[in-house]
């Protein structure tokens, strides 16, 4: 998978956790986006920089705990501020992942999800834009996979649950809807994937550039814009992170028709 063979996982990456409640037979793969030298989008709140990698990890870890308590087995791509794969200096350019490594970093998350035999995949990200007034919540799915109908159903449930989480918390967000992943900027991390037109996390195989696609229904969610001060304030707070985590769990419960699902 790497330039000189497989890329090993970083410590604390691609870990599986047994349920703390009675197991319901379902495995969920959670992916807190970015990590380590890959900060993701950034915003400024109260004079300090807020990074996508820190917010997605916080929401992911809260979701992990809630899912385990609800009886799910959970495999999570990372549990600390690190990339999922471990990279030699040759993969870094001025302290950040080079384009090839950035693509591999996404692919290795699908490798982890497939190895876990996960029933669904949920990738957590945050949005950003030059205009600080931009806000909203959106969920992506891939419409070209064999399980596209299941991914779409999961995306609808996630989007609805997160919109409710914002509303119930008294925080405004614009409903940007459920979108095909090709409308999310595609996956042009390298020149070779410039015409792929899918998010690597969700899209189909395109050998030799994308040989390890996910094998289960999945979504990528961007609940908020970190570049919007109001939304950033919400998702950085413990209250906001708990609301988002509970929204994700409610959507997953509904997807699997669990008793008492919201």
Foldseek 3Di string as FASTA:
>chain_A
DDPVDDFAFDPQFFDKDFAPAAAPPAEEEEEQDAFDLGFDDWAAEPRDIDTFNVLSLLLRVLLCNVVSPVRYIYTYGGNHRHQGTDDDPVQDDPSHGALLVVLVSLLVSLVSLVVVVHQEYEYETAAADPPLVDKAKEKEAACPDPCRVLLVLLRVQLLVLLCVLCVVVVHDHDYPYYYYQLVVCFPPSDVVRNPVSGHLQHDDADPPSNHRYHDHRYMYIHGIYCHHNRRVVQSVDPSNSNSSSVSSVLSVCVSVVHPPRD
